[in-house]
C-alpha cells in the first residue's frame, strides 16, 4: 500500500497539472459512474492529501474521496488519450493531459459530514502544515501498545506505512517494543521531526531513501534497492553490519537492528 508521501506527491503534481482546468471525467468500466457523472465538465480546484487519503475538490460541499488501498494506482498521460485499461476506474481528461485511476479501494463522492467523519478517524498527518502532534501524544498516553504498533495505526498518526515505520524507529535509535506511552517528551519530539523530514524527502523525490548522505555510497539519488534503507527488508544493518531482527507487529513484518535500537537508549 502506498505510504503517505506518495499520496501527497500525487496531490501536488495532479493539482499542478489539472488544477483550474475543466475536466472530462468518465468511468470507462462503469465502476464509478455516479461520481464521474457528477464531476464531468467541472473545474478541479485542488486536491488535499490526509494520510493515505485524497480529496478532490470541485468547489462545493462534496469531494471525491480516493483511497488507493493495496492495488490502486494512477497513470498520467499527455497528448492523445490512451485506451483505458480493463481496471481503469476513473479518467480525468484535461485535453492535452490526463490521469487514469485504477484499482482503488475507494473512489466515491462524499459530503461534508462524511468527510468530517473520515478525518476524525485519522491522526495528525506529519506532511500537513496544520498537523498537531499533541493529538497523537494524547492518544498514545492512553495506549499500552509498543511504539512499532502505534506508528502503523492511522488513528494515531496518519500516513506512515511499514517501510517508514522501520526506518523512522532506526533513525531515532528507538527500541520498537518500547511502550508508546513511555516515550519521553524529547523522544516524541525527535520522532515527529524525523518522520516529517524523511517523509518530506520522499515526497520530493518520489522514492524512499533514508540513508544519510554521510553514510551513502554515492549520491542518495543513485542508491538502489536495499542500499536506500538501513534495516527494512535487509538481513544485516547497513550501519553496523549486525543481523536485522524480524517480527510480525500489527500484522506487518517489522525490521529493526537490536544493536542500534537498544531499550532505554
C-alpha atoms as a PDB file:
ATOM      1  CA  UNK A   1       0.000   0.000   0.000  1.00  0.00           C
ATOM      2  CA  UNK A   2       1.438   3.446  -0.872  1.00  0.00           C
ATOM      3  CA  UNK A   3       2.615   5.426   2.135  1.00  0.00           C
ATOM      4  CA  UNK A   4       1.586   8.992   2.853  1.00  0.00           C
ATOM      5  CA  UNK A   5       4.427  10.667   0.984  1.00  0.00           C
ATOM      6  CA  UNK A   6       3.192   9.098  -2.261  1.00  0.00           C
ATOM      7  CA  UNK A   7      -0.320  10.462  -1.781  1.00  0.00           C
ATOM      8  CA  UNK A   8       0.984  13.959  -1.046  1.00  0.00           C
ATOM      9  CA  UNK A   9       3.124  13.769  -4.162  1.00  0.00           C
ATOM     10  CA  UNK A  10       0.129  12.739  -6.267  1.00  0.00           C
ATOM     11  CA  UNK A  11      -1.887  15.620  -4.796  1.00  0.00           C
ATOM     12  CA  UNK A  12       0.828  18.169  -5.543  1.00  0.00           C
ATOM     13  CA  UNK A  13       1.569  17.020  -9.090  1.00  0.00           C
ATOM     14  CA  UNK A  14      -2.041  16.462 -10.129  1.00  0.00           C
ATOM     15  CA  UNK A  15      -3.100  19.836  -8.709  1.00  0.00           C
ATOM     16  CA  UNK A  16      -0.325  21.469 -10.740  1.00  0.00           C
ATOM     17  CA  UNK A  17      -1.284  19.659 -13.953  1.00  0.00           C
ATOM     18  CA  UNK A  18      -5.086  19.566 -13.653  1.00  0.00           C
ATOM     19  CA  UNK A  19      -5.974  22.290 -11.145  1.00  0.00           C
ATOM     20  CA  UNK A  20      -8.127  25.101 -12.546  1.00  0.00           C
ATOM     21  CA  UNK A  21      -8.941  23.113 -15.694  1.00  0.00           C
ATOM     22  CA  UNK A  22     -12.361  21.906 -16.761  1.00  0.00           C
ATOM     23  CA  UNK A  23     -12.193  18.125 -16.809  1.00  0.00           C
ATOM     24  CA  UNK A  24     -13.921  15.448 -18.763  1.00  0.00           C
ATOM     25  CA  UNK A  25     -14.472  12.832 -16.070  1.00  0.00           C
ATOM     26  CA  UNK A  26     -15.507   9.349 -17.092  1.00  0.00           C
ATOM     27  CA  UNK A  27     -15.667   5.850 -15.662  1.00  0.00           C
ATOM     28  CA  UNK A  28     -14.787   3.613 -18.627  1.00  0.00           C
ATOM     29  CA  UNK A  29     -15.838   0.392 -16.906  1.00  0.00           C
ATOM     30  CA  UNK A  30     -18.760   1.928 -15.023  1.00  0.00           C
ATOM     31  CA  UNK A  31     -17.396   1.224 -11.541  1.00  0.00           C
ATOM     32  CA  UNK A  32     -17.562   4.893 -10.516  1.00  0.00           C
ATOM     33  CA  UNK A  33     -20.238   6.071 -12.937  1.00  0.00           C
ATOM     34  CA  UNK A  34     -22.138   8.135 -10.364  1.00  0.00           C
ATOM     35  CA  UNK A  35     -19.065  10.122  -9.341  1.00  0.00           C
ATOM     36  CA  UNK A  36     -17.980  10.588 -12.952  1.00  0.00           C
ATOM     37  CA  UNK A  37     -21.400  11.910 -13.998  1.00  0.00           C
ATOM     38  CA  UNK A  38     -21.451  14.382 -11.105  1.00  0.00           C
ATOM     39  CA  UNK A  39     -17.958  15.742 -11.839  1.00  0.00           C
ATOM     40  CA  UNK A  40     -17.865  15.720 -15.621  1.00  0.00           C
ATOM     41  CA  UNK A  41     -17.455  19.181 -17.115  1.00  0.00           C
ATOM     42  CA  UNK A  42     -16.432  20.836 -13.858  1.00  0.00           C
ATOM     43  CA  UNK A  43     -13.201  22.572 -12.915  1.00  0.00           C
ATOM     44  CA  UNK A  44     -10.920  20.945 -10.379  1.00  0.00           C
ATOM     45  CA  UNK A  45      -9.876  23.397  -7.686  1.00  0.00           C
ATOM     46  CA  UNK A  46      -7.341  21.391  -5.705  1.00  0.00           C
ATOM     47  CA  UNK A  47      -6.529  18.031  -4.197  1.00  0.00           C
ATOM     48  CA  UNK A  48      -5.918  17.548  -0.484  1.00  0.00           C
ATOM     49  CA  UNK A  49      -3.980  14.647   0.991  1.00  0.00           C
ATOM     50  CA  UNK A  50      -4.694  13.384   4.501  1.00  0.00           C
ATOM     51  CA  UNK A  51      -2.529  10.403   5.378  1.00  0.00           C
ATOM     52  CA  UNK A  52      -3.323   7.770   2.755  1.00  0.00           C
ATOM     53  CA  UNK A  53      -6.492   9.503   1.522  1.00  0.00           C
ATOM     54  CA  UNK A  54      -7.041  12.037  -1.268  1.00  0.00           C
ATOM     55  CA  UNK A  55      -9.874  14.548  -1.530  1.00  0.00           C
ATOM     56  CA  UNK A  56     -10.546  16.115  -4.948  1.00  0.00           C
ATOM     57  CA  UNK A  57     -12.345  19.432  -4.586  1.00  0.00           C
ATOM     58  CA  UNK A  58     -14.565  20.936  -7.274  1.00  0.00           C
ATOM     59  CA  UNK A  59     -15.953  23.952  -5.451  1.00  0.00           C
ATOM     60  CA  UNK A  60     -18.931  22.676  -3.492  1.00  0.00           C
ATOM     61  CA  UNK A  61     -19.631  20.714  -0.329  1.00  0.00           C
ATOM     62  CA  UNK A  62     -18.910  17.384  -1.981  1.00  0.00           C
ATOM     63  CA  UNK A  63     -15.458  15.943  -2.561  1.00  0.00           C
ATOM     64  CA  UNK A  64     -14.210  12.926  -4.450  1.00  0.00           C
ATOM     65  CA  UNK A  65     -12.624  10.617  -1.909  1.00  0.00           C
ATOM     66  CA  UNK A  66      -9.888   8.304  -3.214  1.00  0.00           C
ATOM     67  CA  UNK A  67      -8.112   5.633  -1.206  1.00  0.00           C
ATOM     68  CA  UNK A  68      -5.688   3.558  -3.254  1.00  0.00           C
ATOM     69  CA  UNK A  69      -5.537   0.563  -0.945  1.00  0.00           C
ATOM     70  CA  UNK A  70      -3.247  -2.275  -1.980  1.00  0.00           C
ATOM     71  CA  UNK A  71      -3.828  -2.224  -5.727  1.00  0.00           C
ATOM     72  CA  UNK A  72      -4.780   1.337  -6.617  1.00  0.00           C
ATOM     73  CA  UNK A  73      -2.528   3.389  -8.828  1.00  0.00           C
ATOM     74  CA  UNK A  74      -2.508   6.460 -11.060  1.00  0.00           C
ATOM     75  CA  UNK A  75      -1.250   6.657 -14.633  1.00  0.00           C
ATOM     76  CA  UNK A  76      -0.611  10.084 -16.125  1.00  0.00           C
ATOM     77  CA  UNK A  77      -0.615  10.700 -19.858  1.00  0.00           C
ATOM     78  CA  UNK A  78      -0.012  13.532 -22.292  1.00  0.00           C
ATOM     79  CA  UNK A  79      -1.246  14.181 -25.787  1.00  0.00           C
ATOM     80  CA  UNK A  80      -3.678  11.688 -27.292  1.00  0.00           C
ATOM     81  CA  UNK A  81      -5.531   9.804 -24.567  1.00  0.00           C
ATOM     82  CA  UNK A  82      -4.556   6.113 -24.498  1.00  0.00           C
ATOM     83  CA  UNK A  83      -7.261   3.458 -24.490  1.00  0.00           C
ATOM     84  CA  UNK A  84      -8.460   2.845 -20.937  1.00  0.00           C
ATOM     85  CA  UNK A  85      -7.405  -0.386 -19.300  1.00  0.00           C
ATOM     86  CA  UNK A  86      -9.797  -3.004 -18.009  1.00  0.00           C
ATOM     87  CA  UNK A  87      -9.048  -1.819 -14.479  1.00  0.00           C
ATOM     88  CA  UNK A  88      -9.493   1.926 -15.161  1.00  0.00           C
ATOM     89  CA  UNK A  89     -11.948   3.191 -12.580  1.00  0.00           C
ATOM     90  CA  UNK A  90     -11.900   6.929 -13.345  1.00  0.00           C
ATOM     91  CA  UNK A  91     -10.366   9.071 -16.066  1.00  0.00           C
ATOM     92  CA  UNK A  92      -9.625  12.792 -15.598  1.00  0.00           C
ATOM     93  CA  UNK A  93      -9.129  14.305 -19.058  1.00  0.00           C
ATOM     94  CA  UNK A  94      -7.918  17.914 -19.310  1.00  0.00           C
ATOM     95  CA  UNK A  95      -7.403  17.789 -23.066  1.00  0.00           C
ATOM     96  CA  UNK A  96      -3.673  17.548 -23.657  1.00  0.00           C
ATOM     97  CA  UNK A  97      -3.018  15.661 -20.478  1.00  0.00           C
ATOM     98  CA  UNK A  98      -4.898  13.481 -18.072  1.00  0.00           C
ATOM     99  CA  UNK A  99      -4.796  10.954 -15.257  1.00  0.00           C
ATOM    100  CA  UNK A 100      -6.321   7.485 -15.007  1.00  0.00           C
ATOM    101  CA  UNK A 101      -7.160   5.867 -11.672  1.00  0.00           C
ATOM    102  CA  UNK A 102      -7.317   2.094 -11.434  1.00  0.00           C
ATOM    103  CA  UNK A 103      -7.768  -0.492  -8.714  1.00  0.00           C
ATOM    104  CA  UNK A 104      -8.590   1.917  -5.895  1.00  0.00           C
ATOM    105  CA  UNK A 105     -10.322   0.732  -2.744  1.00  0.00           C
ATOM    106  CA  UNK A 106     -12.452   3.901  -2.677  1.00  0.00           C
ATOM    107  CA  UNK A 107     -13.431   6.391  -5.392  1.00  0.00           C
ATOM    108  CA  UNK A 108     -16.633   7.946  -4.186  1.00  0.00           C
ATOM    109  CA  UNK A 109     -18.315  11.293  -3.659  1.00  0.00           C
ATOM    110  CA  UNK A 110     -18.695  12.241  -0.013  1.00  0.00           C
ATOM    111  CA  UNK A 111     -20.467  15.201   1.566  1.00  0.00           C
ATOM    112  CA  UNK A 112     -19.147  17.468   4.296  1.00  0.00           C
ATOM    113  CA  UNK A 113     -20.465  15.277   7.107  1.00  0.00           C
ATOM    114  CA  UNK A 114     -18.885  12.127   5.682  1.00  0.00           C
ATOM    115  CA  UNK A 115     -15.609  13.979   5.160  1.00  0.00           C
ATOM    116  CA  UNK A 116     -15.632  15.211   8.758  1.00  0.00           C
ATOM    117  CA  UNK A 117     -16.166  11.640   9.985  1.00  0.00           C
ATOM    118  CA  UNK A 118     -13.341  10.376   7.769  1.00  0.00           C
ATOM    119  CA  UNK A 119     -10.876  12.988   9.011  1.00  0.00           C
ATOM    120  CA  UNK A 120     -11.951  12.448  12.620  1.00  0.00           C
ATOM    121  CA  UNK A 121     -10.783   8.832  12.290  1.00  0.00           C
ATOM    122  CA  UNK A 122      -7.300   9.912  11.218  1.00  0.00           C
ATOM    123  CA  UNK A 123      -4.471  11.078  13.408  1.00  0.00           C
ATOM    124  CA  UNK A 124      -2.328  14.097  12.525  1.00  0.00           C
ATOM    125  CA  UNK A 125      -0.513  13.859   9.202  1.00  0.00           C
ATOM    126  CA  UNK A 126       3.188  14.844   9.549  1.00  0.00           C
ATOM    127  CA  UNK A 127       3.217  16.193   5.982  1.00  0.00           C
ATOM    128  CA  UNK A 128       0.401  18.673   6.571  1.00  0.00           C
ATOM    129  CA  UNK A 129       1.123  22.181   7.789  1.00  0.00           C
ATOM    130  CA  UNK A 130      -1.916  22.059  10.089  1.00  0.00           C
ATOM    131  CA  UNK A 131      -0.857  18.831  11.822  1.00  0.00           C
ATOM    132  CA  UNK A 132      -0.904  18.920  15.622  1.00  0.00           C
ATOM    133  CA  UNK A 133       1.414  16.235  17.038  1.00  0.00           C
ATOM    134  CA  UNK A 134      -0.051  16.755  20.502  1.00  0.00           C
ATOM    135  CA  UNK A 135      -3.161  14.928  19.276  1.00  0.00           C
ATOM    136  CA  UNK A 136      -1.011  11.866  18.690  1.00  0.00           C
ATOM    137  CA  UNK A 137       0.742  12.117  22.041  1.00  0.00           C
ATOM    138  CA  UNK A 138      -2.545  12.464  23.942  1.00  0.00           C
ATOM    139  CA  UNK A 139      -3.844   9.362  22.194  1.00  0.00           C
ATOM    140  CA  UNK A 140      -0.630   7.455  22.883  1.00  0.00           C
ATOM    141  CA  UNK A 141      -0.888   8.252  26.586  1.00  0.00           C
ATOM    142  CA  UNK A 142      -3.990   6.060  26.679  1.00  0.00           C
ATOM    143  CA  UNK A 143      -2.452   3.125  24.811  1.00  0.00           C
ATOM    144  CA  UNK A 144      -0.254   0.291  26.072  1.00  0.00           C
ATOM    145  CA  UNK A 145       0.862  -0.846  22.631  1.00  0.00           C
ATOM    146  CA  UNK A 146       4.537  -0.716  21.565  1.00  0.00           C
ATOM    147  CA  UNK A 147       5.622   2.252  19.506  1.00  0.00           C
ATOM    148  CA  UNK A 148       6.141  -0.031  16.487  1.00  0.00           C
ATOM    149  CA  UNK A 149       2.424  -0.892  16.531  1.00  0.00           C
ATOM    150  CA  UNK A 150       1.386   2.699  17.201  1.00  0.00           C
ATOM    151  CA  UNK A 151       3.137   4.033  14.112  1.00  0.00           C
ATOM    152  CA  UNK A 152       1.002   1.877  11.826  1.00  0.00           C
ATOM    153  CA  UNK A 153      -2.256   2.905  13.498  1.00  0.00           C
ATOM    154  CA  UNK A 154      -3.692   5.571  11.196  1.00  0.00           C
ATOM    155  CA  UNK A 155      -5.909   6.782  14.046  1.00  0.00           C
ATOM    156  CA  UNK A 156      -2.778   7.909  15.897  1.00  0.00           C
ATOM    157  CA  UNK A 157      -0.521   9.228  13.125  1.00  0.00           C
ATOM    158  CA  UNK A 158      -1.731   9.235   9.522  1.00  0.00           C
ATOM    159  CA  UNK A 159       0.387   8.256   6.553  1.00  0.00           C
ATOM    160  CA  UNK A 160       3.145   6.038   7.967  1.00  0.00           C
ATOM    161  CA  UNK A 161       3.481   2.591   6.406  1.00  0.00           C
ATOM    162  CA  UNK A 162       5.736  -0.366   7.014  1.00  0.00           C
ATOM    163  CA  UNK A 163       8.870   0.982   5.335  1.00  0.00           C
ATOM    164  CA  UNK A 164       8.831   4.313   7.115  1.00  0.00           C
ATOM    165  CA  UNK A 165       7.926   2.636  10.411  1.00  0.00           C
ATOM    166  CA  UNK A 166      11.155   0.638  10.381  1.00  0.00           C
ATOM    167  CA  UNK A 167      13.330   3.467   9.111  1.00  0.00           C
ATOM    168  CA  UNK A 168      11.937   6.159  11.429  1.00  0.00           C
ATOM    169  CA  UNK A 169      12.476   3.999  14.502  1.00  0.00           C
ATOM    170  CA  UNK A 170      16.004   3.193  13.340  1.00  0.00           C
ATOM    171  CA  UNK A 171      16.829   6.845  12.676  1.00  0.00           C
ATOM    172  CA  UNK A 172      15.674   7.709  16.201  1.00  0.00           C
ATOM    173  CA  UNK A 173      17.513   4.756  17.755  1.00  0.00           C
ATOM    174  CA  UNK A 174      14.280   3.596  19.379  1.00  0.00           C
ATOM    175  CA  UNK A 175      13.635   0.067  20.565  1.00  0.00           C
ATOM    176  CA  UNK A 176      10.457  -0.734  18.605  1.00  0.00           C
ATOM    177  CA  UNK A 177       8.973  -2.587  21.569  1.00  0.00           C
ATOM    178  CA  UNK A 178       9.084   0.436  23.872  1.00  0.00           C
ATOM    179  CA  UNK A 179       5.547   1.088  25.144  1.00  0.00           C
ATOM    180  CA  UNK A 180       4.300   4.124  23.238  1.00  0.00           C
ATOM    181  CA  UNK A 181       3.070   5.810  26.396  1.00  0.00           C
ATOM    182  CA  UNK A 182       6.571   5.655  27.925  1.00  0.00           C
ATOM    183  CA  UNK A 183       8.315   7.799  25.321  1.00  0.00           C
ATOM    184  CA  UNK A 184       9.831  10.929  26.833  1.00  0.00           C
ATOM    185  CA  UNK A 185       8.980  14.389  25.555  1.00  0.00           C
ATOM    186  CA  UNK A 186      12.382  14.538  23.860  1.00  0.00           C
ATOM    187  CA  UNK A 187      11.831  11.178  22.161  1.00  0.00           C
ATOM    188  CA  UNK A 188       8.399  12.242  20.968  1.00  0.00           C
ATOM    189  CA  UNK A 189       9.784  15.452  19.539  1.00  0.00           C
ATOM    190  CA  UNK A 190      12.582  13.644  17.742  1.00  0.00           C
ATOM    191  CA  UNK A 191      10.169  11.017  16.414  1.00  0.00           C
ATOM    192  CA  UNK A 192       7.844  13.644  14.947  1.00  0.00           C
ATOM    193  CA  UNK A 193      10.594  15.745  13.365  1.00  0.00           C
ATOM    194  CA  UNK A 194      12.350  12.675  11.960  1.00  0.00           C
ATOM    195  CA  UNK A 195       9.081  11.466  10.467  1.00  0.00           C
ATOM    196  CA  UNK A 196       8.463  14.827   8.834  1.00  0.00           C
ATOM    197  CA  UNK A 197      11.999  15.064   7.450  1.00  0.00           C
ATOM    198  CA  UNK A 198      12.112  11.551   5.991  1.00  0.00           C
ATOM    199  CA  UNK A 199       8.620  11.713   4.502  1.00  0.00           C
ATOM    200  CA  UNK A 200       9.186  15.189   3.049  1.00  0.00           C
ATOM    201  CA  UNK A 201      12.290  13.906   1.312  1.00  0.00           C
ATOM    202  CA  UNK A 202      10.256  11.005  -0.046  1.00  0.00           C
ATOM    203  CA  UNK A 203       7.507  13.331  -1.276  1.00  0.00           C
ATOM    204  CA  UNK A 204      10.022  15.489  -3.157  1.00  0.00           C
ATOM    205  CA  UNK A 205      11.909  12.616  -4.770  1.00  0.00           C
ATOM    206  CA  UNK A 206       9.115  10.096  -5.218  1.00  0.00           C
ATOM    207  CA  UNK A 207      11.171   7.350  -3.580  1.00  0.00           C
ATOM    208  CA  UNK A 208      12.067   6.308  -0.042  1.00  0.00           C
ATOM    209  CA  UNK A 209      15.718   6.971   0.755  1.00  0.00           C
ATOM    210  CA  UNK A 210      16.533   7.023   4.461  1.00  0.00           C
ATOM    211  CA  UNK A 211      20.313   6.595   4.421  1.00  0.00           C
ATOM    212  CA  UNK A 212      22.024   9.878   5.406  1.00  0.00           C
ATOM    213  CA  UNK A 213      24.278  11.344   2.738  1.00  0.00           C
ATOM    214  CA  UNK A 214      27.301  10.889   5.019  1.00  0.00           C
ATOM    215  CA  UNK A 215      26.653   7.122   5.138  1.00  0.00           C
ATOM    216  CA  UNK A 216      25.687   6.642   1.500  1.00  0.00           C
ATOM    217  CA  UNK A 217      27.939   5.013  -1.063  1.00  0.00           C
ATOM    218  CA  UNK A 218      27.416   7.827  -3.536  1.00  0.00           C
ATOM    219  CA  UNK A 219      24.615  10.354  -4.124  1.00  0.00           C
ATOM    220  CA  UNK A 220      21.374   9.294  -2.393  1.00  0.00           C
ATOM    221  CA  UNK A 221      19.525   9.720  -5.704  1.00  0.00           C
ATOM    222  CA  UNK A 222      21.706   6.978  -7.212  1.00  0.00           C
ATOM    223  CA  UNK A 223      21.082   4.386  -4.494  1.00  0.00           C
ATOM    224  CA  UNK A 224      19.110   1.324  -5.493  1.00  0.00           C
ATOM    225  CA  UNK A 225      17.175  -1.396  -3.710  1.00  0.00           C
ATOM    226  CA  UNK A 226      18.152  -2.157  -0.135  1.00  0.00           C
ATOM    227  CA  UNK A 227      21.034   0.328  -0.299  1.00  0.00           C
ATOM    228  CA  UNK A 228      18.434   3.078   0.103  1.00  0.00           C
ATOM    229  CA  UNK A 229      17.382   1.924   3.584  1.00  0.00           C
ATOM    230  CA  UNK A 230      19.029   0.990   6.863  1.00  0.00           C
ATOM    231  CA  UNK A 231      17.050  -2.064   8.001  1.00  0.00           C
ATOM    232  CA  UNK A 232      13.853  -2.566   6.021  1.00  0.00           C
ATOM    233  CA  UNK A 233      13.916  -5.999   4.341  1.00  0.00           C
ATOM    234  CA  UNK A 234      17.636  -6.261   4.967  1.00  0.00           C
ATOM    235  CA  UNK A 235      19.369  -9.248   6.530  1.00  0.00           C
ATOM    236  CA  UNK A 236      22.064  -7.044   8.059  1.00  0.00           C
ATOM    237  CA  UNK A 237      22.009  -3.492   9.366  1.00  0.00           C
ATOM    238  CA  UNK A 238      23.510  -1.144   6.818  1.00  0.00           C
ATOM    239  CA  UNK A 239      25.208   0.902   9.540  1.00  0.00           C
ATOM    240  CA  UNK A 240      26.743  -1.680  11.875  1.00  0.00           C
ATOM    241  CA  UNK A 241      26.520  -4.891   9.860  1.00  0.00           C
ATOM    242  CA  UNK A 242      24.721  -6.745  12.638  1.00  0.00           C
ATOM    243  CA  UNK A 243      21.768  -9.055  11.996  1.00  0.00           C
ATOM    244  CA  UNK A 244      18.397  -7.391  11.495  1.00  0.00           C
ATOM    245  CA  UNK A 245      15.548  -8.598  13.677  1.00  0.00           C
ATOM    246  CA  UNK A 246      12.235  -9.536  12.126  1.00  0.00           C
ATOM    247  CA  UNK A 247       8.900  -9.983  13.868  1.00  0.00           C
ATOM    248  CA  UNK A 248       5.271  -9.503  12.939  1.00  0.00           C
ATOM    249  CA  UNK A 249       3.913  -6.456  14.764  1.00  0.00           C
ATOM    250  CA  UNK A 250       0.484  -5.008  13.921  1.00  0.00           C
ATOM    251  CA  UNK A 251       0.045  -7.581  11.130  1.00  0.00           C
ATOM    252  CA  UNK A 252       3.157  -6.438   9.238  1.00  0.00           C
ATOM    253  CA  UNK A 253       6.752  -7.653   9.448  1.00  0.00           C
ATOM    254  CA  UNK A 254       8.849  -5.242  11.498  1.00  0.00           C
ATOM    255  CA  UNK A 255      12.576  -4.869  10.751  1.00  0.00           C
ATOM    256  CA  UNK A 256      14.973  -3.421  13.323  1.00  0.00           C
ATOM    257  CA  UNK A 257      18.594  -3.549  14.455  1.00  0.00           C
ATOM    258  CA  UNK A 258      18.930  -4.853  18.040  1.00  0.00           C
ATOM    259  CA  UNK A 259      22.440  -3.376  18.283  1.00  0.00           C
ATOM    260  CA  UNK A 260      21.455   0.148  17.197  1.00  0.00           C
ATOM    261  CA  UNK A 261      17.976   0.287  18.742  1.00  0.00           C
ATOM    262  CA  UNK A 262      18.582  -0.547  22.371  1.00  0.00           C
ATOM    263  CA  UNK A 263      15.918  -0.326  25.072  1.00  0.00           C
ATOM    264  CA  UNK A 264      16.379   2.707  27.307  1.00  0.00           C
ATOM    265  CA  UNK A 265      18.853   4.412  24.974  1.00  0.00           C
END
